[in-house]
C-alpha atoms as a PDB file:
ATOM      1  CA  UNK A   1       0.000   0.000   0.000  1.00  0.00           C
ATOM      2  CA  UNK A   2       1.258   3.441  -0.933  1.00  0.00           C
ATOM      3  CA  UNK A   3       1.668   5.440   2.258  1.00  0.00           C
ATOM      4  CA  UNK A   4       3.967   8.398   1.728  1.00  0.00           C
ATOM      5  CA  UNK A   5       5.891  10.509  -0.751  1.00  0.00           C
ATOM      6  CA  UNK A   6       9.685  10.530  -0.562  1.00  0.00           C
ATOM      7  CA  UNK A   7      10.494  14.070   0.537  1.00  0.00           C
ATOM      8  CA  UNK A   8      14.119  14.001  -0.579  1.00  0.00           C
ATOM      9  CA  UNK A   9      13.044  13.076  -4.102  1.00  0.00           C
ATOM     10  CA  UNK A  10      10.389  15.807  -4.090  1.00  0.00           C
ATOM     11  CA  UNK A  11      12.935  18.418  -3.021  1.00  0.00           C
ATOM     12  CA  UNK A  12      15.584  17.238  -5.463  1.00  0.00           C
ATOM     13  CA  UNK A  13      13.286  17.189  -8.485  1.00  0.00           C
ATOM     14  CA  UNK A  14      11.648  20.506  -7.619  1.00  0.00           C
ATOM     15  CA  UNK A  15      14.920  22.396  -7.166  1.00  0.00           C
ATOM     16  CA  UNK A  16      16.471  20.859 -10.267  1.00  0.00           C
ATOM     17  CA  UNK A  17      13.438  21.758 -12.366  1.00  0.00           C
ATOM     18  CA  UNK A  18      13.421  25.372 -11.168  1.00  0.00           C
ATOM     19  CA  UNK A  19      17.194  25.712 -11.585  1.00  0.00           C
ATOM     20  CA  UNK A  20      17.050  24.383 -15.139  1.00  0.00           C
ATOM     21  CA  UNK A  21      14.786  27.177 -16.353  1.00  0.00           C
ATOM     22  CA  UNK A  22      16.974  30.094 -15.128  1.00  0.00           C
ATOM     23  CA  UNK A  23      19.641  31.007 -17.662  1.00  0.00           C
ATOM     24  CA  UNK A  24      22.737  33.011 -16.667  1.00  0.00           C
ATOM     25  CA  UNK A  25      21.278  35.953 -18.566  1.00  0.00           C
ATOM     26  CA  UNK A  26      18.038  35.792 -16.538  1.00  0.00           C
ATOM     27  CA  UNK A  27      20.109  35.638 -13.364  1.00  0.00           C
ATOM     28  CA  UNK A  28      22.291  38.589 -14.369  1.00  0.00           C
ATOM     29  CA  UNK A  29      25.408  36.483 -14.788  1.00  0.00           C
ATOM     30  CA  UNK A  30      27.851  36.521 -17.693  1.00  0.00           C
ATOM     31  CA  UNK A  31      27.689  33.363 -19.797  1.00  0.00           C
ATOM     32  CA  UNK A  32      31.276  32.369 -20.440  1.00  0.00           C
ATOM     33  CA  UNK A  33      31.871  30.105 -23.403  1.00  0.00           C
ATOM     34  CA  UNK A  34      29.435  28.827 -25.974  1.00  0.00           C
ATOM     35  CA  UNK A  35      28.819  25.337 -24.593  1.00  0.00           C
ATOM     36  CA  UNK A  36      27.199  24.649 -21.234  1.00  0.00           C
ATOM     37  CA  UNK A  37      26.667  21.058 -20.169  1.00  0.00           C
ATOM     38  CA  UNK A  38      23.667  21.888 -18.008  1.00  0.00           C
ATOM     39  CA  UNK A  39      20.360  23.470 -18.839  1.00  0.00           C
ATOM     40  CA  UNK A  40      19.944  26.617 -16.784  1.00  0.00           C
ATOM     41  CA  UNK A  41      22.181  27.602 -13.892  1.00  0.00           C
ATOM     42  CA  UNK A  42      24.957  25.458 -12.520  1.00  0.00           C
ATOM     43  CA  UNK A  43      24.826  24.516  -8.839  1.00  0.00           C
ATOM     44  CA  UNK A  44      27.830  26.698  -8.060  1.00  0.00           C
ATOM     45  CA  UNK A  45      26.099  29.668  -9.693  1.00  0.00           C
ATOM     46  CA  UNK A  46      23.004  29.174  -7.553  1.00  0.00           C
ATOM     47  CA  UNK A  47      25.201  28.911  -4.457  1.00  0.00           C
ATOM     48  CA  UNK A  48      27.064  32.101  -5.375  1.00  0.00           C
ATOM     49  CA  UNK A  49      23.883  34.085  -5.922  1.00  0.00           C
ATOM     50  CA  UNK A  50      22.206  32.702  -2.773  1.00  0.00           C
ATOM     51  CA  UNK A  51      25.237  33.462  -0.609  1.00  0.00           C
ATOM     52  CA  UNK A  52      25.883  29.888   0.523  1.00  0.00           C
ATOM     53  CA  UNK A  53      28.702  27.446  -0.086  1.00  0.00           C
ATOM     54  CA  UNK A  54      28.527  25.073  -3.027  1.00  0.00           C
ATOM     55  CA  UNK A  55      28.541  22.082  -0.665  1.00  0.00           C
ATOM     56  CA  UNK A  56      25.628  23.543   1.290  1.00  0.00           C
ATOM     57  CA  UNK A  57      23.535  24.085  -1.828  1.00  0.00           C
ATOM     58  CA  UNK A  58      24.384  20.616  -3.150  1.00  0.00           C
ATOM     59  CA  UNK A  59      23.103  19.133   0.115  1.00  0.00           C
ATOM     60  CA  UNK A  60      19.887  21.146  -0.206  1.00  0.00           C
ATOM     61  CA  UNK A  61      19.335  20.014  -3.769  1.00  0.00           C
ATOM     62  CA  UNK A  62      19.885  16.428  -2.696  1.00  0.00           C
ATOM     63  CA  UNK A  63      16.920  16.809  -0.390  1.00  0.00           C
ATOM     64  CA  UNK A  64      18.452  17.984   2.886  1.00  0.00           C
ATOM     65  CA  UNK A  65      16.317  21.031   3.706  1.00  0.00           C
ATOM     66  CA  UNK A  66      15.810  20.257   7.404  1.00  0.00           C
ATOM     67  CA  UNK A  67      17.140  23.116   9.499  1.00  0.00           C
ATOM     68  CA  UNK A  68      17.529  25.523   6.590  1.00  0.00           C
ATOM     69  CA  UNK A  69      16.867  29.072   7.808  1.00  0.00           C
ATOM     70  CA  UNK A  70      14.098  31.228   6.376  1.00  0.00           C
ATOM     71  CA  UNK A  71      16.769  33.662   5.201  1.00  0.00           C
ATOM     72  CA  UNK A  72      18.482  31.005   3.112  1.00  0.00           C
ATOM     73  CA  UNK A  73      15.155  29.772   1.735  1.00  0.00           C
ATOM     74  CA  UNK A  74      14.205  33.338   0.828  1.00  0.00           C
ATOM     75  CA  UNK A  75      17.548  33.846  -0.912  1.00  0.00           C
ATOM     76  CA  UNK A  76      17.135  30.590  -2.814  1.00  0.00           C
ATOM     77  CA  UNK A  77      13.590  31.514  -3.839  1.00  0.00           C
ATOM     78  CA  UNK A  78      14.883  34.840  -5.141  1.00  0.00           C
ATOM     79  CA  UNK A  79      17.736  33.270  -7.123  1.00  0.00           C
ATOM     80  CA  UNK A  80      15.419  30.710  -8.696  1.00  0.00           C
ATOM     81  CA  UNK A  81      12.828  33.441  -9.363  1.00  0.00           C
ATOM     82  CA  UNK A  82      10.050  31.444  -7.727  1.00  0.00           C
ATOM     83  CA  UNK A  83       6.515  32.769  -7.872  1.00  0.00           C
ATOM     84  CA  UNK A  84       4.306  32.874  -4.774  1.00  0.00           C
ATOM     85  CA  UNK A  85       3.084  29.300  -5.172  1.00  0.00           C
ATOM     86  CA  UNK A  86       6.573  27.938  -5.769  1.00  0.00           C
ATOM     87  CA  UNK A  87       7.985  29.831  -2.802  1.00  0.00           C
ATOM     88  CA  UNK A  88       5.246  28.475  -0.538  1.00  0.00           C
ATOM     89  CA  UNK A  89       5.939  24.988  -1.860  1.00  0.00           C
ATOM     90  CA  UNK A  90       9.643  25.309  -1.062  1.00  0.00           C
ATOM     91  CA  UNK A  91       8.848  26.391   2.498  1.00  0.00           C
ATOM     92  CA  UNK A  92       6.322  23.550   2.891  1.00  0.00           C
ATOM     93  CA  UNK A  93       8.953  21.019   1.826  1.00  0.00           C
ATOM     94  CA  UNK A  94      11.449  22.500   4.271  1.00  0.00           C
ATOM     95  CA  UNK A  95       8.950  22.411   7.158  1.00  0.00           C
ATOM     96  CA  UNK A  96       8.007  18.819   6.429  1.00  0.00           C
ATOM     97  CA  UNK A  97      11.692  17.860   6.245  1.00  0.00           C
ATOM     98  CA  UNK A  98      12.298  19.219   9.734  1.00  0.00           C
ATOM     99  CA  UNK A  99       9.065  18.097  11.368  1.00  0.00           C
ATOM    100  CA  UNK A 100       9.246  15.210  13.867  1.00  0.00           C
ATOM    101  CA  UNK A 101       7.434  12.162  12.548  1.00  0.00           C
ATOM    102  CA  UNK A 102       4.891  12.443  15.371  1.00  0.00           C
ATOM    103  CA  UNK A 103       3.857  15.887  14.118  1.00  0.00           C
ATOM    104  CA  UNK A 104       3.827  15.189  10.399  1.00  0.00           C
ATOM    105  CA  UNK A 105       0.519  13.410  10.072  1.00  0.00           C
ATOM    106  CA  UNK A 106      -2.718  15.331  10.222  1.00  0.00           C
ATOM    107  CA  UNK A 107      -6.185  13.960   9.720  1.00  0.00           C
ATOM    108  CA  UNK A 108      -7.463  15.321   6.409  1.00  0.00           C
ATOM    109  CA  UNK A 109     -10.975  16.739   6.294  1.00  0.00           C
ATOM    110  CA  UNK A 110     -13.463  14.383   4.653  1.00  0.00           C
ATOM    111  CA  UNK A 111     -16.737  15.952   5.805  1.00  0.00           C
ATOM    112  CA  UNK A 112     -18.100  19.437   6.373  1.00  0.00           C
ATOM    113  CA  UNK A 113     -19.824  20.868   9.415  1.00  0.00           C
ATOM    114  CA  UNK A 114     -23.624  21.215   9.193  1.00  0.00           C
ATOM    115  CA  UNK A 115     -23.265  24.993   9.518  1.00  0.00           C
ATOM    116  CA  UNK A 116     -21.120  25.069   6.369  1.00  0.00           C
ATOM    117  CA  UNK A 117     -23.785  23.145   4.482  1.00  0.00           C
ATOM    118  CA  UNK A 118     -26.276  25.754   5.680  1.00  0.00           C
ATOM    119  CA  UNK A 119     -24.040  28.478   4.252  1.00  0.00           C
ATOM    120  CA  UNK A 120     -23.971  26.677   0.911  1.00  0.00           C
ATOM    121  CA  UNK A 121     -27.725  26.190   0.896  1.00  0.00           C
ATOM    122  CA  UNK A 122     -28.238  29.900   1.592  1.00  0.00           C
ATOM    123  CA  UNK A 123     -26.484  30.679  -1.710  1.00  0.00           C
ATOM    124  CA  UNK A 124     -29.404  30.325  -4.100  1.00  0.00           C
ATOM    125  CA  UNK A 125     -28.152  32.358  -7.081  1.00  0.00           C
ATOM    126  CA  UNK A 126     -24.609  31.036  -7.409  1.00  0.00           C
ATOM    127  CA  UNK A 127     -23.221  27.509  -7.775  1.00  0.00           C
ATOM    128  CA  UNK A 128     -20.989  26.726  -4.796  1.00  0.00           C
ATOM    129  CA  UNK A 129     -19.191  23.733  -3.409  1.00  0.00           C
ATOM    130  CA  UNK A 130     -16.577  22.803  -0.819  1.00  0.00           C
ATOM    131  CA  UNK A 131     -13.607  20.602  -1.584  1.00  0.00           C
ATOM    132  CA  UNK A 132     -10.452  19.472   0.146  1.00  0.00           C
ATOM    133  CA  UNK A 133      -6.873  19.585  -1.163  1.00  0.00           C
ATOM    134  CA  UNK A 134      -7.322  16.206  -2.826  1.00  0.00           C
ATOM    135  CA  UNK A 135     -10.046  17.628  -5.115  1.00  0.00           C
ATOM    136  CA  UNK A 136     -12.781  15.656  -3.324  1.00  0.00           C
ATOM    137  CA  UNK A 137     -16.166  17.378  -3.634  1.00  0.00           C
ATOM    138  CA  UNK A 138     -17.451  17.233  -0.046  1.00  0.00           C
ATOM    139  CA  UNK A 139     -20.554  19.442  -0.175  1.00  0.00           C
ATOM    140  CA  UNK A 140     -22.481  21.528  -2.683  1.00  0.00           C
ATOM    141  CA  UNK A 141     -25.550  23.694  -2.909  1.00  0.00           C
ATOM    142  CA  UNK A 142     -28.404  22.886  -5.290  1.00  0.00           C
ATOM    143  CA  UNK A 143     -27.012  24.972  -8.135  1.00  0.00           C
ATOM    144  CA  UNK A 144     -23.535  23.555  -7.616  1.00  0.00           C
ATOM    145  CA  UNK A 145     -24.874  20.010  -7.934  1.00  0.00           C
ATOM    146  CA  UNK A 146     -26.624  20.969 -11.147  1.00  0.00           C
ATOM    147  CA  UNK A 147     -23.560  22.707 -12.599  1.00  0.00           C
ATOM    148  CA  UNK A 148     -21.229  19.801 -11.807  1.00  0.00           C
ATOM    149  CA  UNK A 149     -23.711  17.025 -12.615  1.00  0.00           C
ATOM    150  CA  UNK A 150     -21.297  15.386 -15.118  1.00  0.00           C
ATOM    151  CA  UNK A 151     -18.615  15.184 -12.422  1.00  0.00           C
ATOM    152  CA  UNK A 152     -21.055  13.918  -9.790  1.00  0.00           C
ATOM    153  CA  UNK A 153     -22.281  11.205 -12.158  1.00  0.00           C
ATOM    154  CA  UNK A 154     -19.336   9.105 -10.956  1.00  0.00           C
ATOM    155  CA  UNK A 155     -20.815   6.717  -8.362  1.00  0.00           C
ATOM    156  CA  UNK A 156     -17.665   6.825  -6.218  1.00  0.00           C
ATOM    157  CA  UNK A 157     -18.023   9.063  -3.183  1.00  0.00           C
ATOM    158  CA  UNK A 158     -16.758  11.564  -2.586  1.00  0.00           C
ATOM    159  CA  UNK A 159     -16.642  12.551  -6.245  1.00  0.00           C
ATOM    160  CA  UNK A 160     -13.172  13.737  -7.222  1.00  0.00           C
ATOM    161  CA  UNK A 161     -12.414  16.420  -9.811  1.00  0.00           C
ATOM    162  CA  UNK A 162      -8.903  15.148 -10.593  1.00  0.00           C
ATOM    163  CA  UNK A 163     -10.142  11.601 -11.119  1.00  0.00           C
ATOM    164  CA  UNK A 164     -12.843  12.917 -13.458  1.00  0.00           C
ATOM    165  CA  UNK A 165     -10.536  14.988 -15.662  1.00  0.00           C
ATOM    166  CA  UNK A 166      -7.779  12.371 -15.954  1.00  0.00           C
ATOM    167  CA  UNK A 167      -9.652   9.070 -15.872  1.00  0.00           C
ATOM    168  CA  UNK A 168     -12.793  10.118 -17.759  1.00  0.00           C
ATOM    169  CA  UNK A 169     -11.153  12.314 -20.420  1.00  0.00           C
ATOM    170  CA  UNK A 170     -13.871  12.068 -23.072  1.00  0.00           C
ATOM    171  CA  UNK A 171     -16.560  13.381 -20.726  1.00  0.00           C
ATOM    172  CA  UNK A 172     -14.157  15.917 -19.202  1.00  0.00           C
ATOM    173  CA  UNK A 173     -13.119  17.295 -22.602  1.00  0.00           C
ATOM    174  CA  UNK A 174     -16.773  17.687 -23.516  1.00  0.00           C
ATOM    175  CA  UNK A 175     -17.599  19.450 -20.242  1.00  0.00           C
ATOM    176  CA  UNK A 176     -14.568  21.689 -19.698  1.00  0.00           C
ATOM    177  CA  UNK A 177     -13.893  24.108 -22.548  1.00  0.00           C
ATOM    178  CA  UNK A 178     -10.317  24.667 -21.370  1.00  0.00           C
ATOM    179  CA  UNK A 179      -9.555  21.016 -20.684  1.00  0.00           C
ATOM    180  CA  UNK A 180      -5.752  21.242 -20.951  1.00  0.00           C
ATOM    181  CA  UNK A 181      -5.589  24.140 -18.517  1.00  0.00           C
ATOM    182  CA  UNK A 182      -7.976  22.393 -16.134  1.00  0.00           C
ATOM    183  CA  UNK A 183      -5.734  19.333 -16.034  1.00  0.00           C
ATOM    184  CA  UNK A 184      -2.560  21.373 -15.536  1.00  0.00           C
ATOM    185  CA  UNK A 185      -4.192  23.201 -12.644  1.00  0.00           C
ATOM    186  CA  UNK A 186      -5.408  19.937 -11.116  1.00  0.00           C
ATOM    187  CA  UNK A 187      -1.926  18.417 -11.147  1.00  0.00           C
ATOM    188  CA  UNK A 188      -0.333  21.619  -9.837  1.00  0.00           C
ATOM    189  CA  UNK A 189      -2.766  21.887  -6.923  1.00  0.00           C
ATOM    190  CA  UNK A 190      -2.196  18.232  -6.038  1.00  0.00           C
ATOM    191  CA  UNK A 191       1.566  18.823  -6.106  1.00  0.00           C
ATOM    192  CA  UNK A 192       1.103  21.787  -3.769  1.00  0.00           C
ATOM    193  CA  UNK A 193      -0.922  19.629  -1.407  1.00  0.00           C
ATOM    194  CA  UNK A 194       1.738  16.916  -1.430  1.00  0.00           C
ATOM    195  CA  UNK A 195       4.260  19.520  -0.265  1.00  0.00           C
ATOM    196  CA  UNK A 196       1.977  20.405   2.638  1.00  0.00           C
ATOM    197  CA  UNK A 197       1.242  16.825   3.641  1.00  0.00           C
ATOM    198  CA  UNK A 198       3.406  14.146   1.986  1.00  0.00           C
ATOM    199  CA  UNK A 199       2.222  11.575   4.547  1.00  0.00           C
ATOM    200  CA  UNK A 200      -1.485  11.875   3.687  1.00  0.00           C
ATOM    201  CA  UNK A 201      -2.212   8.295   2.615  1.00  0.00           C
ATOM    202  CA  UNK A 202      -5.380   9.037   0.630  1.00  0.00           C
ATOM    203  CA  UNK A 203      -3.643  11.851  -1.245  1.00  0.00           C
ATOM    204  CA  UNK A 204      -0.638   9.666  -2.053  1.00  0.00           C
ATOM    205  CA  UNK A 205      -2.956   6.871  -3.153  1.00  0.00           C
ATOM    206  CA  UNK A 206      -4.762   9.238  -5.527  1.00  0.00           C
ATOM    207  CA  UNK A 207      -1.461  10.383  -7.054  1.00  0.00           C
ATOM    208  CA  UNK A 208      -0.457   6.731  -7.492  1.00  0.00           C
ATOM    209  CA  UNK A 209      -3.802   5.883  -9.111  1.00  0.00           C
ATOM    210  CA  UNK A 210      -3.612   8.792 -11.550  1.00  0.00           C
ATOM    211  CA  UNK A 211       0.033   8.045 -12.343  1.00  0.00           C
ATOM    212  CA  UNK A 212      -0.790   4.428 -13.131  1.00  0.00           C
ATOM    213  CA  UNK A 213      -3.806   5.207 -15.309  1.00  0.00           C
ATOM    214  CA  UNK A 214      -3.085   8.497 -17.105  1.00  0.00           C
ATOM    215  CA  UNK A 215      -0.114   9.331 -19.307  1.00  0.00           C
ATOM    216  CA  UNK A 216      -1.249  12.963 -19.332  1.00  0.00           C
ATOM    217  CA  UNK A 217      -1.119  13.089 -15.542  1.00  0.00           C
ATOM    218  CA  UNK A 218       2.349  11.497 -15.497  1.00  0.00           C
ATOM    219  CA  UNK A 219       3.619  14.135 -17.908  1.00  0.00           C
ATOM    220  CA  UNK A 220       2.074  17.049 -16.036  1.00  0.00           C
ATOM    221  CA  UNK A 221       3.117  15.685 -12.640  1.00  0.00           C
ATOM    222  CA  UNK A 222       6.715  15.471 -13.861  1.00  0.00           C
ATOM    223  CA  UNK A 223       6.708  19.210 -14.606  1.00  0.00           C
ATOM    224  CA  UNK A 224       6.888  19.910 -10.838  1.00  0.00           C
ATOM    225  CA  UNK A 225       4.493  22.844 -11.318  1.00  0.00           C
ATOM    226  CA  UNK A 226       2.517  24.098  -8.318  1.00  0.00           C
ATOM    227  CA  UNK A 227      -0.434  26.455  -8.016  1.00  0.00           C
ATOM    228  CA  UNK A 228      -2.220  28.397  -5.299  1.00  0.00           C
ATOM    229  CA  UNK A 229      -5.983  28.520  -5.002  1.00  0.00           C
ATOM    230  CA  UNK A 230      -7.381  31.839  -6.078  1.00  0.00           C
ATOM    231  CA  UNK A 231      -9.801  33.209  -8.635  1.00  0.00           C
ATOM    232  CA  UNK A 232     -10.345  33.071 -12.356  1.00  0.00           C
ATOM    233  CA  UNK A 233     -12.780  32.000 -15.020  1.00  0.00           C
ATOM    234  CA  UNK A 234     -14.381  28.640 -15.701  1.00  0.00           C
ATOM    235  CA  UNK A 235     -15.905  27.789 -19.059  1.00  0.00           C
ATOM    236  CA  UNK A 236     -18.065  24.698 -19.325  1.00  0.00           C
ATOM    237  CA  UNK A 237     -20.412  23.091 -21.832  1.00  0.00           C
ATOM    238  CA  UNK A 238     -23.289  21.997 -19.650  1.00  0.00           C
ATOM    239  CA  UNK A 239     -25.252  19.063 -21.103  1.00  0.00           C
ATOM    240  CA  UNK A 240     -28.611  20.783 -20.478  1.00  0.00           C
ATOM    241  CA  UNK A 241     -28.151  24.568 -20.692  1.00  0.00           C
ATOM    242  CA  UNK A 242     -25.120  24.800 -22.951  1.00  0.00           C
ATOM    243  CA  UNK A 243     -22.142  27.122 -22.647  1.00  0.00           C
ATOM    244  CA  UNK A 244     -21.506  28.839 -19.311  1.00  0.00           C
ATOM    245  CA  UNK A 245     -18.662  31.343 -18.949  1.00  0.00           C
ATOM    246  CA  UNK A 246     -18.389  31.921 -15.224  1.00  0.00           C
ATOM    247  CA  UNK A 247     -16.116  33.737 -12.789  1.00  0.00           C
ATOM    248  CA  UNK A 248     -15.013  31.888  -9.695  1.00  0.00           C
ATOM    249  CA  UNK A 249     -13.492  32.655  -6.327  1.00  0.00           C
ATOM    250  CA  UNK A 250     -11.740  29.935  -4.324  1.00  0.00           C
ATOM    251  CA  UNK A 251     -11.466  30.737  -0.635  1.00  0.00           C
ATOM    252  CA  UNK A 252      -9.715  28.903   2.178  1.00  0.00           C
ATOM    253  CA  UNK A 253     -11.865  28.217   5.226  1.00  0.00           C
ATOM    254  CA  UNK A 254      -9.565  29.163   8.126  1.00  0.00           C
ATOM    255  CA  UNK A 255     -11.738  27.527  10.768  1.00  0.00           C
ATOM    256  CA  UNK A 256     -11.671  24.270   8.785  1.00  0.00           C
ATOM    257  CA  UNK A 257      -8.061  23.833   7.619  1.00  0.00           C
ATOM    258  CA  UNK A 258      -7.719  22.051   4.319  1.00  0.00           C
ATOM    259  CA  UNK A 259     -11.183  22.970   3.039  1.00  0.00           C
ATOM    260  CA  UNK A 260     -11.839  25.421   0.222  1.00  0.00           C
ATOM    261  CA  UNK A 261     -15.075  27.125  -0.827  1.00  0.00           C
ATOM    262  CA  UNK A 262     -15.573  27.684  -4.572  1.00  0.00           C
ATOM    263  CA  UNK A 263     -18.293  30.096  -5.698  1.00  0.00           C
ATOM    264  CA  UNK A 264     -19.248  30.716  -9.342  1.00  0.00           C
ATOM    265  CA  UNK A 265     -20.930  33.862 -10.636  1.00  0.00           C
ATOM    266  CA  UNK A 266     -21.792  35.522 -13.925  1.00  0.00           C
ATOM    267  CA  UNK A 267     -22.165  39.197 -14.926  1.00  0.00           C
ATOM    268  CA  UNK A 268     -25.691  40.403 -14.277  1.00  0.00           C
ATOM    269  CA  UNK A 269     -26.488  40.678 -17.985  1.00  0.00           C
ATOM    270  CA  UNK A 270     -25.516  38.446 -20.856  1.00  0.00           C
ATOM    271  CA  UNK A 271     -25.793  34.845 -22.037  1.00  0.00           C
ATOM    272  CA  UNK A 272     -23.986  33.413 -19.022  1.00  0.00           C
ATOM    273  CA  UNK A 273     -26.476  34.992 -16.615  1.00  0.00           C
ATOM    274  CA  UNK A 274     -29.375  33.781 -18.753  1.00  0.00           C
ATOM    275  CA  UNK A 275     -28.029  30.236 -18.877  1.00  0.00           C
ATOM    276  CA  UNK A 276     -27.290  30.273 -15.152  1.00  0.00           C
ATOM    277  CA  UNK A 277     -30.929  31.215 -14.519  1.00  0.00           C
ATOM    278  CA  UNK A 278     -31.981  28.399 -16.820  1.00  0.00           C
ATOM    279  CA  UNK A 279     -29.732  26.029 -14.882  1.00  0.00           C
ATOM    280  CA  UNK A 280     -31.366  27.105 -11.620  1.00  0.00           C
ATOM    281  CA  UNK A 281     -34.817  26.449 -13.076  1.00  0.00           C
ATOM    282  CA  UNK A 282     -33.761  23.025 -14.320  1.00  0.00           C
ATOM    283  CA  UNK A 283     -32.154  22.162 -10.983  1.00  0.00           C
ATOM    284  CA  UNK A 284     -35.277  23.113  -9.050  1.00  0.00           C
ATOM    285  CA  UNK A 285     -37.666  21.167 -11.290  1.00  0.00           C
ATOM    286  CA  UNK A 286     -35.714  18.082 -12.346  1.00  0.00           C
ATOM    287  CA  UNK A 287     -33.344  17.424  -9.423  1.00  0.00           C
ATOM    288  CA  UNK A 288     -30.979  15.559 -11.779  1.00  0.00           C
ATOM    289  CA  UNK A 289     -28.404  14.379  -9.280  1.00  0.00           C
ATOM    290  CA  UNK A 290     -27.687  11.848  -6.632  1.00  0.00           C
ATOM    291  CA  UNK A 291     -26.785  12.956  -3.079  1.00  0.00           C
ATOM    292  CA  UNK A 292     -23.017  13.365  -2.823  1.00  0.00           C
ATOM    293  CA  UNK A 293     -22.764  11.677   0.582  1.00  0.00           C
END
């Protein structure tokens, strides 16, 4: 049974992938000679720019981040030109490396409090749902169930967005207009979650399942990309009401660590608002879903 992710491998592959994309020119270094045997910066160049010894950086890149100071991590993030998500990921990996084994494991959220379901149910004009870092859909409101009816058609509970997009690609490509971007985001969010909790057995099992069954997931997972939750647009082809171009906000729930609330809206006028109203009417009259619990 898969039970954990090897942290040293995660650190090594992440740092190597970020180092490989920074050229001497991007780092403000002169590029001596026409032939370089490595793609991106050399280890000694990273060490020089970060203000640490070559041996120290080599140890870090081999996976030894335990005990690394925040100052060194900040310097390394700057040299590698990490974005906010990548910087957070680096710090998560360092924290997990230094955490005693007794403190590493946390019980992931698999249910929501009744009061949170009440909040969802009070949202009558906007699809909304709550998920965990594994992409499990744990609770929805009526409009959210209607919007994501193709995803919730999977009889496995809880329904899982990542499993849907990678293991049911024909349906997912039909439903999500921007399928390639959706899959990249799914893999990047899972990678971010692995950095937070590499000992989460259900999360590791999901990664193993997707790796075994999807070549696309294997390729995107190997990119080492990470992504923060935030906001953006979601374009879907709903099987009943047609095209919906929606805005979404993804919000952490600080009183329920690990849970995220997604809310979808449309401008007050236009085809998206009209189709969202049609979706609400269909949801109220047909109830075309199964309970998600």
